[in-house]
């Protein structure tokens, strides 16, 4: 049996997932805005006001990528200590 490699932080994967999340967020907000412009209503206005909170999601995801990369630096430091 082979040992399962520890899954660490992959910066490339993190950036790709961040791009997908950002594009999806922009797409969903844009679609809802277009529908609201096409068929204006009081409910649609409230939905669009609620959609503004979705703009925070990519920012929080980017912060988690930053924290993950800092954690990766800690792993590099541990490897250097083992070599000594």
Protein backbone atom coordinates (compact mmCIF):
# COMPACT_ATOMS: atom_id res chain seq x y z
CA UNK A 1 0.00 0.00 0.00
CA UNK A 2 1.24 3.44 -0.82
CA UNK A 3 1.06 6.23 1.68
CA UNK A 4 -1.42 8.93 0.92
CA UNK A 5 0.37 12.22 0.33
CA UNK A 6 -0.64 14.99 2.70
CA UNK A 7 -2.84 17.44 0.88
CA UNK A 8 -1.28 20.84 1.36
CA UNK A 9 -2.09 24.29 0.13
CA UNK A 10 -1.94 24.52 -3.66
CA UNK A 11 -1.63 28.17 -4.73
CA UNK A 12 -2.56 27.49 -8.36
CA UNK A 13 -5.70 25.61 -7.37
CA UNK A 14 -6.60 28.40 -4.93
CA UNK A 15 -6.28 31.10 -7.60
CA UNK A 16 -8.31 29.09 -10.12
CA UNK A 17 -11.07 28.45 -7.59
CA UNK A 18 -11.03 32.15 -6.63
CA UNK A 19 -11.43 33.13 -10.28
CA UNK A 20 -14.34 30.74 -10.68
CA UNK A 21 -15.99 32.03 -7.51
CA UNK A 22 -15.56 35.65 -8.57
CA UNK A 23 -16.89 34.99 -12.08
CA UNK A 24 -19.86 33.10 -10.67
CA UNK A 25 -20.64 35.88 -8.22
CA UNK A 26 -20.43 38.55 -10.93
CA UNK A 27 -22.55 36.41 -13.25
CA UNK A 28 -25.28 35.79 -10.69
CA UNK A 29 -25.45 39.45 -9.66
CA UNK A 30 -25.48 40.54 -13.31
CA UNK A 31 -28.24 38.09 -14.22
CA UNK A 32 -30.40 39.18 -11.31
CA UNK A 33 -29.79 42.84 -12.20
CA UNK A 34 -30.75 42.26 -15.82
CA UNK A 35 -33.96 40.50 -14.82
CA UNK A 36 -34.76 43.35 -12.42
CA UNK A 37 -34.25 45.91 -15.22
CA UNK A 38 -36.39 43.89 -17.62
CA UNK A 39 -39.23 43.28 -15.18
CA UNK A 40 -38.99 45.92 -12.44
CA UNK A 41 -40.85 45.23 -9.21
CA UNK A 42 -40.62 46.01 -5.52
CA UNK A 43 -39.56 42.43 -4.79
CA UNK A 44 -36.87 42.61 -7.47
CA UNK A 45 -35.46 45.73 -5.86
CA UNK A 46 -35.22 43.93 -2.50
CA UNK A 47 -33.57 40.96 -4.17
CA UNK A 48 -30.96 43.25 -5.75
CA UNK A 49 -30.34 44.92 -2.39
CA UNK A 50 -29.72 41.46 -0.92
CA UNK A 51 -27.44 40.51 -3.82
CA UNK A 52 -25.07 43.33 -2.83
CA UNK A 53 -24.02 41.25 0.15
CA UNK A 54 -22.68 38.60 -2.27
CA UNK A 55 -19.88 40.99 -3.20
CA UNK A 56 -18.27 40.13 0.14
CA UNK A 57 -17.86 36.42 -0.68
CA UNK A 58 -14.87 36.78 -3.08
CA UNK A 59 -13.15 39.08 -0.59
CA UNK A 60 -13.48 36.55 2.22
CA UNK A 61 -12.29 33.78 -0.11
CA UNK A 62 -9.23 35.85 -1.07
CA UNK A 63 -8.44 36.37 2.61
CA UNK A 64 -8.57 32.59 3.14
CA UNK A 65 -6.12 32.15 0.26
CA UNK A 66 -3.78 34.62 1.95
CA UNK A 67 -4.02 32.77 5.24
CA UNK A 68 -3.45 29.45 3.47
CA UNK A 69 -0.32 30.78 1.81
CA UNK A 70 0.97 31.97 5.18
CA UNK A 71 0.37 28.47 6.52
CA UNK A 72 2.38 27.12 3.59
CA UNK A 73 5.31 29.30 4.68
CA UNK A 74 5.13 27.63 8.08
CA UNK A 75 5.48 24.22 6.41
CA UNK A 76 8.54 25.44 4.49
CA UNK A 77 10.09 26.63 7.76
CA UNK A 78 9.54 23.19 9.33
CA UNK A 79 11.27 21.50 6.37
CA UNK A 80 14.29 23.80 6.73
CA UNK A 81 14.54 23.02 10.46
CA UNK A 82 14.48 19.26 9.73
CA UNK A 83 17.42 19.61 7.32
CA UNK A 84 19.67 21.18 9.95
